[in-house]
Amino acid sequence: MPVKEEIRRNVLVRVSEGKPVVPGVLGYSDSVLPALEHALIAGHDVIFLGERGQAKSRMIRSLVGLLDEWLPVVAGSEINDDPYQPVSRMARDMVAEAGDDTPVAWVHRSDRYGEKLATPDTSMADLIGEVDPIKVAEGRYLSDELTLHYGLVPRTNRGIFAINELPDLAERIQVGLLDVLEERDVQIRGHKVRLPLDILLVASANPEDYTNRGRIITPLKDRFGARIRTHYPQDLETELTIVAQEARGFEAAAVRLHFPGYMSEIVARVSQLARRNPRVSQHSGVSVRLSVTNQETLAAAAIRRALRHGETEAAPRVSDLGALVSSTLGKLEIESLEEGEDEEVVDKLIKAAILQTFREHCPPETLGQVVGGFEDGKVVHVGPDLSSEDYVSVLEEVPALRTPVRVLTAESESPAEIASAVELVLDGLHLSKRLNKDAAGARATYRAR
């Protein structure tokens, strides 16, 4: 059975059973996944267009699950020859000699997938094949097809072959790839080899590279029956769900981590704001991995601080968000001309995310009393050098803080969660221009305006 027919059959079974064709991919149920199902049912080769961090590689690799678990091949075949329709010279000779007694091996679906990152130095030998000097040294003639060492594409016969960043493949290599996939023959060092390969071709590309004239030869572009545009999470809830799914958990025997939902929202909003910021290169994109990395970094900062104070509970605070600068700058391309502007852009993103989250979660009717609590000259210090118990004392000094803090903590009595809530309220009031803030690194002092 042809590999596209095999995949079609398994896709139809999953669709009829209400199961996802590509499990574990979120935010695409009404856009990308239906288009992918249509392409696979139609038996089309597919190219995914999207910026980095849009689950293109994950979806491509998940397609392996649509293959049958085991496949019979001619034993010893390098290119998964069908015992009934062998392609390679070795397999043809073996079947001709042994007939029904031809030895058969079984290949698992995980071995029927090939992948190559396209780079300018990718060669025909990598993808198609080359004369093997060892086989020549063993006594075979150069004119003998058995001297060939097959490349990645023939070795994925009766399977799925993926090319990441297809436009980076040199034009002459694209021609060779088209020859073996479309014309079914290829020339290797003077050998004209007939290779009627059975392959589902899947590729990925950046939209800007794909649409530029000359980056992909027209016949190869025409081979793809489906061009599917991926995208970043279109709402905060989807981004948060992806972060919860992908972020690694931390096992610190001495510390129990509480991660308030509003702190996760700040992390996710930083990414979403960056995708709309004119100072951030949208050509490179802002990967969902930014949110995942920042979530992990923030958790690490909270655990480290708790261990320094000898505490058994930890919760990320606004004063910990400074740790996100290093993890964020590593995943963004800032379009700046002067040194130091990168950090300034990230700082503004974090502040905007804090302000949006504060307005979303803090009841405005309780905030006037909090501001009034500072009018008698009250000053509140915050920072990583303060323990969680120090923040509980702040509630005694500014009683009006209790109401918004209880809303944020769902009336939890955990000092770590109280400390996190206190910092969000105070910094939100500062960003709303209702309190003054004097900052020195991660430490800060809040007072009346």
Protein backbone atom coordinates (compact mmCIF):
# COMPACT_ATOMS: atom_id res chain seq x y z
CA MET A 1 0.00 0.00 0.00
CA PRO A 2 1.45 3.46 -0.90
CA VAL A 3 2.50 5.48 2.12
CA LYS A 4 0.02 8.29 1.38
CA GLU A 5 -2.81 5.77 1.21
CA GLU A 6 -1.62 4.24 4.48
CA ILE A 7 -1.64 7.66 6.16
CA ARG A 8 -5.02 8.56 4.64
CA ARG A 9 -6.56 5.39 6.04
CA ASN A 10 -5.22 6.06 9.55
CA VAL A 11 -6.28 9.73 9.45
CA LEU A 12 -9.82 8.75 8.53
CA VAL A 13 -9.92 6.33 11.47
CA ARG A 14 -8.81 9.06 13.91
CA VAL A 15 -11.28 11.57 12.51
CA SER A 16 -14.15 9.10 12.77
CA GLU A 17 -13.18 8.33 16.38
CA GLY A 18 -12.92 12.02 17.30
CA LYS A 19 -9.22 11.73 18.10
CA PRO A 20 -6.70 14.46 17.20
CA VAL A 21 -4.55 13.75 14.17
CA VAL A 22 -1.65 15.60 15.81
CA PRO A 23 -1.86 15.28 19.62
CA GLY A 24 -0.45 17.85 22.04
CA VAL A 25 -0.65 20.88 19.71
CA LEU A 26 -2.81 23.68 21.11
CA GLY A 27 -4.47 26.68 19.50
CA TYR A 28 -4.78 25.19 16.01
CA SER A 29 -8.07 23.31 16.24
CA ASP A 30 -9.94 25.82 14.06
CA SER A 31 -7.14 26.78 11.68
CA VAL A 32 -4.04 24.67 11.07
CA LEU A 33 -5.21 21.19 12.04
CA PRO A 34 -8.30 21.11 9.76
CA ALA A 35 -6.10 22.19 6.83
CA LEU A 36 -3.58 19.47 7.69
CA GLU A 37 -6.30 16.82 7.86
CA HIS A 38 -7.61 17.91 4.47
CA ALA A 39 -4.12 17.64 2.95
CA LEU A 40 -3.43 14.19 4.36
CA ILE A 41 -6.81 12.83 3.33
CA ALA A 42 -6.21 14.22 -0.17
CA GLY A 43 -2.76 12.62 -0.28
CA HIS A 44 -0.87 15.88 -0.72
CA ASP A 45 2.68 16.81 0.19
CA VAL A 46 2.65 19.64 2.75
CA ILE A 47 4.70 22.73 3.51
CA PHE A 48 4.20 24.63 6.77
CA LEU A 49 4.85 28.38 6.64
CA GLY A 50 5.47 30.16 9.92
CA GLU A 51 7.93 31.94 12.15
CA ARG A 52 9.98 30.11 14.75
CA GLY A 53 8.28 28.55 17.74
CA GLN A 54 4.95 27.76 16.06
CA ALA A 55 5.09 23.96 16.54
CA LYS A 56 5.95 23.24 12.90
CA SER A 57 8.57 20.61 13.75
CA ARG A 58 6.37 19.06 16.41
CA MET A 59 3.51 18.60 13.96
CA ILE A 60 5.82 17.18 11.29
CA ARG A 61 7.37 14.64 13.67
CA SER A 62 3.95 13.70 15.04
CA LEU A 63 2.94 12.50 11.56
CA VAL A 64 5.00 9.36 12.22
CA GLY A 65 2.15 8.22 14.46
CA LEU A 66 -0.08 8.00 11.39
CA LEU A 67 2.04 5.24 9.87
CA ASP A 68 1.31 1.57 10.51
CA GLU A 69 3.37 0.32 13.42
CA TRP A 70 5.30 -2.31 11.43
CA LEU A 71 6.22 -2.56 7.75
CA PRO A 72 7.58 -5.65 5.90
CA VAL A 73 10.73 -5.00 3.83
CA VAL A 74 13.28 -7.10 1.99
CA ALA A 75 15.80 -8.15 4.63
CA GLY A 76 19.03 -6.16 4.34
CA SER A 77 17.52 -3.47 2.12
CA GLU A 78 18.90 0.03 2.70
CA ILE A 79 15.79 1.72 1.29
CA ASN A 80 12.93 -0.32 2.78
CA ASP A 81 12.25 -2.24 -0.43
CA ASP A 82 8.76 -3.69 -0.80
CA PRO A 83 9.13 -7.48 -1.16
CA TYR A 84 6.55 -7.38 -3.98
CA GLN A 85 7.88 -4.26 -5.74
CA PRO A 86 11.61 -3.92 -4.99
CA VAL A 87 13.36 -0.75 -6.12
CA SER A 88 17.07 -1.19 -5.39
CA ARG A 89 19.36 -3.41 -7.43
CA MET A 90 20.22 -5.51 -4.38
CA ALA A 91 16.57 -6.21 -3.55
CA ARG A 92 15.62 -6.90 -7.18
CA ASP A 93 18.41 -9.45 -7.50
CA MET A 94 17.46 -11.09 -4.20
CA VAL A 95 13.77 -11.41 -5.14
CA ALA A 96 14.66 -12.70 -8.59
CA GLU A 97 16.87 -15.38 -7.07
CA ALA A 98 14.86 -16.43 -4.00
CA GLY A 99 11.30 -15.74 -5.18
CA ASP A 100 8.78 -16.57 -2.45
CA ASP A 101 11.63 -17.51 -0.14
CA THR A 102 13.00 -13.97 -0.09
CA PRO A 103 13.85 -13.14 3.55
CA VAL A 104 11.64 -10.42 5.05
CA ALA A 105 12.36 -8.04 7.94
CA TRP A 106 9.98 -5.73 9.81
CA VAL A 107 10.66 -2.01 10.21
CA HIS A 108 9.07 0.05 12.98
CA ARG A 109 7.34 3.29 11.99
CA SER A 110 9.86 5.32 14.01
CA ASP A 111 12.51 4.20 11.49
CA ARG A 112 10.43 5.34 8.52
CA TYR A 113 11.00 9.05 9.16
CA GLY A 114 13.87 11.14 7.83
CA GLU A 115 14.61 14.80 8.52
CA LYS A 116 17.16 17.30 7.23
CA LEU A 117 17.76 20.92 8.13
CA ALA A 118 18.37 22.64 4.80
CA THR A 119 21.60 24.61 4.75
CA PRO A 120 23.52 26.15 1.83
CA ASP A 121 26.17 23.41 2.12
CA THR A 122 23.69 20.52 1.88
CA SER A 123 24.89 18.26 -0.93
CA MET A 124 23.41 15.75 -3.33
CA ALA A 125 25.30 13.08 -1.43
CA ASP A 126 23.42 14.02 1.77
CA LEU A 127 19.99 13.81 0.20
CA ILE A 128 20.28 11.42 -2.75
CA GLY A 129 23.49 9.41 -2.47
CA GLU A 130 27.09 8.95 -3.49
CA VAL A 131 29.48 6.30 -4.74
CA ASP A 132 30.80 4.38 -1.72
CA PRO A 133 34.62 4.07 -2.00
CA ILE A 134 34.63 1.16 0.45
CA LYS A 135 32.36 -0.86 -1.84
CA VAL A 136 34.65 -0.02 -4.77
CA ALA A 137 37.65 -1.13 -2.73
CA GLU A 138 35.91 -4.45 -2.11
CA GLY A 139 36.19 -5.18 -5.84
CA ARG A 140 33.03 -3.81 -7.41
CA TYR A 141 33.20 -1.78 -10.62
CA LEU A 142 32.30 1.91 -10.57
CA SER A 143 29.66 1.16 -13.17
CA ASP A 144 27.93 -1.24 -10.76
CA GLU A 145 24.83 0.21 -9.13
CA LEU A 146 25.71 -1.76 -5.99
CA THR A 147 28.58 0.69 -5.33
CA LEU A 148 26.04 3.40 -4.44
CA HIS A 149 25.53 4.60 -0.87
CA TYR A 150 21.99 5.97 -0.67
CA GLY A 151 21.25 9.34 0.93
CA LEU A 152 18.50 10.40 3.31
CA VAL A 153 15.67 10.56 0.77
CA PRO A 154 16.00 7.02 -0.65
CA ARG A 155 16.52 5.65 2.86
CA THR A 156 13.13 7.11 3.79
CA ASN A 157 11.41 5.18 1.00
CA ARG A 158 7.88 4.14 2.04
CA GLY A 159 7.94 6.74 4.80
CA ILE A 160 7.94 10.46 5.58
CA PHE A 161 10.78 12.82 4.68
CA ALA A 162 10.93 16.32 6.16
CA ILE A 163 13.03 19.32 5.13
CA ASN A 164 13.22 22.19 7.58
CA GLU A 165 13.85 25.70 6.21
CA LEU A 166 13.42 24.55 2.61
CA PRO A 167 14.34 27.93 0.96
CA ASP A 168 17.90 27.56 2.31
CA LEU A 169 18.45 24.55 0.06
CA ALA A 170 20.69 25.43 -2.90
CA GLU A 171 18.85 25.61 -6.22
CA ARG A 172 20.83 22.78 -7.82
CA ILE A 173 20.00 20.52 -4.85
CA GLN A 174 16.33 21.43 -5.19
CA VAL A 175 16.54 20.29 -8.82
CA GLY A 176 18.05 16.97 -7.76
CA LEU A 177 15.41 16.51 -5.09
CA LEU A 178 12.67 17.19 -7.63
CA ASP A 179 14.21 14.70 -10.05
CA VAL A 180 14.14 11.86 -7.58
CA LEU A 181 10.68 12.68 -6.23
CA GLU A 182 8.91 13.67 -9.43
CA GLU A 183 10.85 12.26 -12.36
CA ARG A 184 11.75 9.10 -10.39
CA ASP A 185 15.32 9.00 -11.63
CA VAL A 186 18.61 10.59 -10.66
CA GLN A 187 22.23 10.68 -11.82
CA ILE A 188 24.95 9.99 -9.27
CA ARG A 189 28.55 10.20 -10.51
CA GLY A 190 27.52 9.01 -13.96
CA HIS A 191 25.05 6.42 -12.69
CA LYS A 192 21.55 6.94 -14.03
CA VAL A 193 19.46 5.25 -11.37
CA ARG A 194 15.72 4.67 -11.59
CA LEU A 195 14.25 5.21 -8.11
CA PRO A 196 10.44 5.12 -8.01
CA LEU A 197 10.37 6.16 -4.36
CA ASP A 198 7.19 6.20 -2.27
CA ILE A 199 7.46 9.21 0.06
CA LEU A 200 5.30 11.79 1.79
CA LEU A 201 7.28 15.03 1.55
CA VAL A 202 6.78 17.59 4.33
CA ALA A 203 8.67 20.87 4.62
CA SER A 204 8.81 24.02 6.71
CA ALA A 205 9.80 27.56 5.80
CA ASN A 206 9.68 31.14 6.99
CA PRO A 207 6.88 32.91 5.05
CA GLU A 208 9.14 35.77 3.95
CA ASP A 209 11.79 33.40 2.59
CA TYR A 210 9.17 31.26 0.87
CA THR A 211 7.55 34.13 -1.00
CA ASN A 212 10.80 35.73 -2.17
CA ARG A 213 11.30 35.06 -5.88
CA GLY A 214 14.04 32.56 -6.57
CA ARG A 215 14.30 31.02 -3.11
CA ILE A 216 12.41 27.88 -4.18
CA ILE A 217 12.35 26.64 -7.77
CA THR A 218 8.83 26.76 -9.22
CA PRO A 219 8.50 23.02 -10.03
CA LEU A 220 9.39 22.05 -6.46
CA LYS A 221 7.01 24.65 -5.03
CA ASP A 222 4.31 23.27 -7.31
CA ARG A 223 4.80 19.78 -5.88
CA PHE A 224 3.28 20.78 -2.53
CA GLY A 225 -0.45 20.27 -2.65
CA ALA A 226 -1.02 22.11 0.63
CA ARG A 227 0.60 25.27 1.95
CA ILE A 228 -0.44 25.67 5.59
CA ARG A 229 0.16 28.91 7.50
CA THR A 230 0.89 28.49 11.20
CA HIS A 231 0.54 31.23 13.80
CA TYR A 232 1.25 32.13 17.41
CA PRO A 233 -1.40 31.70 20.16
CA GLN A 234 -4.15 34.17 19.40
CA ASP A 235 -5.30 34.64 23.01
CA LEU A 236 -3.80 34.70 26.48
CA GLU A 237 -5.58 31.53 27.63
CA THR A 238 -4.02 29.42 24.87
CA GLU A 239 -0.54 30.77 25.61
CA LEU A 240 -1.00 29.98 29.31
CA THR A 241 -2.16 26.45 28.52
CA ILE A 242 0.89 25.85 26.32
CA VAL A 243 3.19 27.15 29.04
CA ALA A 244 1.57 24.88 31.63
CA GLN A 245 2.02 21.94 29.25
CA GLU A 246 5.61 22.63 28.22
CA ALA A 247 7.34 24.25 31.22
CA ARG A 248 9.47 21.89 33.25
CA GLY A 249 8.56 21.31 36.86
CA PHE A 250 11.09 21.86 39.64
CA GLU A 251 11.86 19.38 42.35
CA ALA A 252 13.40 21.15 45.33
CA ALA A 253 12.93 18.92 48.36
CA ALA A 254 13.28 21.79 50.80
CA VAL A 255 10.95 24.25 49.01
CA ARG A 256 7.32 24.02 47.89
CA LEU A 257 6.65 26.29 44.92
CA HIS A 258 3.40 28.23 44.53
CA PHE A 259 3.06 29.87 41.11
CA PRO A 260 0.18 32.38 41.21
CA GLY A 261 -1.89 32.55 38.05
CA TYR A 262 -1.37 36.30 37.74
CA MET A 263 2.41 35.83 37.61
CA SER A 264 1.99 33.31 34.78
CA GLU A 265 -0.18 35.89 33.01
CA ILE A 266 2.60 38.47 33.27
CA VAL A 267 5.00 35.99 31.67
CA ALA A 268 2.58 35.21 28.82
CA ARG A 269 1.72 38.88 28.27
CA VAL A 270 5.41 39.76 27.82
CA SER A 271 5.48 37.45 24.79
CA GLN A 272 2.18 38.67 23.40
CA LEU A 273 3.19 42.31 23.76
CA ALA A 274 6.54 41.58 22.10
CA ARG A 275 4.70 40.21 19.05
CA ARG A 276 3.08 43.61 18.57
CA ASN A 277 6.07 45.77 19.48
CA PRO A 278 7.61 47.68 16.54
CA ARG A 279 11.05 47.52 18.19
CA VAL A 280 11.02 43.70 18.07
CA SER A 281 11.80 42.00 14.76
CA GLN A 282 8.59 40.32 13.66
CA HIS A 283 10.43 38.64 10.77
CA SER A 284 12.24 36.44 13.29
CA GLY A 285 9.10 36.08 15.37
CA VAL A 286 8.59 35.72 19.11
CA SER A 287 8.51 32.03 19.91
CA VAL A 288 6.19 30.47 22.47
CA ARG A 289 9.43 29.09 23.87
CA LEU A 290 9.99 32.61 25.24
CA SER A 291 6.98 32.20 27.55
CA VAL A 292 8.08 28.70 28.56
CA THR A 293 11.66 29.80 29.27
CA ASN A 294 10.54 32.84 31.24
CA GLN A 295 8.16 30.73 33.33
CA GLU A 296 11.00 28.38 34.22
CA THR A 297 13.38 31.28 34.94
CA LEU A 298 10.87 32.97 37.23
CA ALA A 299 10.29 29.73 39.14
CA ALA A 300 14.06 29.28 39.53
CA ALA A 301 14.44 32.83 40.87
CA ALA A 302 11.70 32.24 43.46
CA ILE A 303 13.20 28.94 44.64
CA ARG A 304 16.69 30.42 44.87
CA ARG A 305 15.42 33.32 46.98
CA ALA A 306 13.49 31.01 49.31
CA LEU A 307 16.56 28.83 49.87
CA ARG A 308 18.64 31.90 50.70
CA HIS A 309 16.09 32.82 53.39
CA GLY A 310 15.71 29.28 54.67
CA GLU A 311 12.02 29.22 53.72
CA THR A 312 9.98 26.11 52.91
CA GLU A 313 7.59 27.87 50.51
CA ALA A 314 8.25 30.10 47.51
CA ALA A 315 6.18 32.17 45.11
CA PRO A 316 7.45 34.42 42.30
CA ARG A 317 7.22 38.16 42.98
CA VAL A 318 7.34 41.26 40.80
CA SER A 319 10.86 41.92 42.12
CA ASP A 320 11.89 38.56 40.60
CA LEU A 321 10.89 39.68 37.10
CA GLY A 322 14.29 41.27 36.58
CA ALA A 323 15.57 37.73 36.05
CA LEU A 324 13.58 37.60 32.81
CA VAL A 325 15.81 40.14 31.07
CA SER A 326 18.53 37.61 30.31
CA SER A 327 16.14 34.84 29.26
CA THR A 328 14.12 37.25 27.10
CA LEU A 329 17.02 38.92 25.30
CA GLY A 330 18.26 35.51 24.20
CA LYS A 331 15.05 34.88 22.26
CA LEU A 332 14.23 38.31 20.81
CA GLU A 333 15.83 40.30 18.04
CA ILE A 334 15.61 43.93 19.08
CA GLU A 335 15.89 46.49 16.30
CA SER A 336 18.02 49.05 18.12
CA LEU A 337 20.92 51.24 17.13
CA GLU A 338 22.44 52.11 20.51
CA GLU A 339 23.92 49.87 23.17
CA GLY A 340 21.66 49.31 26.18
CA GLU A 341 18.40 49.82 24.30
CA ASP A 342 17.72 46.08 24.29
CA GLU A 343 17.30 46.01 28.07
CA GLU A 344 15.13 49.12 27.90
CA VAL A 345 12.73 47.49 25.43
CA VAL A 346 12.43 44.35 27.59
CA ASP A 347 11.91 46.44 30.73
CA LYS A 348 9.03 48.30 29.06
CA LEU A 349 7.47 45.01 27.96
CA ILE A 350 7.59 43.67 31.52
CA LYS A 351 6.12 46.86 32.98
CA ALA A 352 3.28 46.87 30.45
CA ALA A 353 2.54 43.22 31.26
CA ILE A 354 2.47 44.00 35.01
CA LEU A 355 0.09 46.91 34.50
CA GLN A 356 -2.33 44.92 32.34
CA THR A 357 -2.36 42.05 34.83
CA PHE A 358 -2.83 44.41 37.77
CA ARG A 359 -5.83 46.05 36.13
CA GLU A 360 -7.28 42.63 35.33
CA HIS A 361 -7.04 41.21 38.86
CA CYS A 362 -7.13 44.06 41.40
CA PRO A 363 -10.59 45.48 42.28
CA PRO A 364 -10.42 49.25 41.62
CA GLU A 365 -12.84 50.03 44.46
CA THR A 366 -10.30 48.81 47.04
CA LEU A 367 -7.27 50.61 45.68
CA GLY A 368 -8.17 54.12 46.81
CA GLN A 369 -7.94 53.02 50.43
CA VAL A 370 -4.51 51.51 49.77
CA VAL A 371 -3.23 54.78 48.31
CA GLY A 372 -4.73 56.62 51.29
CA GLY A 373 -2.72 54.41 53.63
CA PHE A 374 0.46 56.04 52.33
CA GLU A 375 -0.65 59.64 52.82
CA ASP A 376 0.72 59.87 56.36
CA GLY A 377 4.27 59.37 55.09
CA LYS A 378 4.22 55.60 55.16
CA VAL A 379 7.09 53.93 53.26
CA VAL A 380 7.17 50.26 52.20
CA HIS A 381 10.33 48.42 51.18
CA VAL A 382 10.28 45.37 48.89
CA GLY A 383 12.91 43.19 47.27
CA PRO A 384 14.56 39.77 47.24
CA ASP A 385 16.42 40.59 50.46
CA LEU A 386 13.11 40.48 52.38
CA SER A 387 11.60 37.24 53.61
CA SER A 388 7.96 36.34 53.05
CA GLU A 389 7.20 37.02 56.72
CA ASP A 390 8.39 40.60 56.25
CA TYR A 391 5.53 41.10 53.78
CA VAL A 392 3.00 39.79 56.28
CA SER A 393 4.17 42.62 58.54
CA VAL A 394 3.46 45.08 55.72
CA LEU A 395 -0.23 44.18 56.00
CA GLU A 396 -0.10 45.33 59.63
CA GLU A 397 1.48 48.62 58.59
CA VAL A 398 -0.95 49.23 55.67
CA PRO A 399 -4.20 47.43 56.64
CA ALA A 400 -5.94 48.58 53.42
CA LEU A 401 -3.67 46.18 51.53
CA ARG A 402 -5.47 43.19 53.04
CA THR A 403 -8.52 43.37 50.76
CA PRO A 404 -6.79 43.30 47.33
CA VAL A 405 -4.23 40.81 48.67
CA ARG A 406 -6.99 38.44 49.80
CA VAL A 407 -8.57 38.66 46.35
CA LEU A 408 -5.26 37.79 44.69
CA THR A 409 -4.41 34.92 47.06
CA ALA A 410 -7.99 33.56 47.27
CA GLU A 411 -7.65 34.19 51.05
CA SER A 412 -4.60 31.95 51.34
CA GLU A 413 -2.54 32.45 54.49
CA SER A 414 0.71 31.39 52.82
CA PRO A 415 3.34 34.09 53.51
CA ALA A 416 4.95 33.39 50.12
CA GLU A 417 1.69 34.02 48.25
CA ILE A 418 0.97 37.10 50.36
CA ALA A 419 4.40 38.53 49.51
CA SER A 420 3.76 37.99 45.80
CA ALA A 421 0.35 39.67 45.99
CA VAL A 422 1.66 42.65 47.96
CA GLU A 423 4.31 43.39 45.34
CA LEU A 424 1.80 43.18 42.47
CA VAL A 425 -0.57 45.65 44.17
CA LEU A 426 2.20 48.12 45.03
CA ASP A 427 3.88 47.99 41.61
CA GLY A 428 0.51 48.18 39.84
CA LEU A 429 -0.33 51.33 41.78
CA HIS A 430 3.06 52.80 40.86
CA LEU A 431 2.59 52.00 37.16
CA SER A 432 -0.89 53.53 37.42
CA LYS A 433 0.84 56.71 38.69
CA ARG A 434 -0.77 56.52 42.11
CA LEU A 435 2.36 55.73 44.14
CA ASN A 436 5.98 56.78 43.82
CA LYS A 437 8.70 54.16 43.51
CA ASP A 438 12.42 54.50 44.15
CA ALA A 439 14.24 51.50 42.70
CA ALA A 440 17.81 50.30 43.11
CA GLY A 441 18.24 47.04 41.24
CA ALA A 442 15.62 44.55 42.43
CA ARG A 443 15.02 46.51 45.67
CA ALA A 444 12.38 49.24 45.73
CA THR A 445 10.65 51.68 48.04
CA TYR A 446 7.04 52.80 47.61
CA ARG A 447 5.63 56.04 49.04
CA ALA A 448 2.84 58.52 48.38
CA ARG A 449 3.12 60.81 45.36
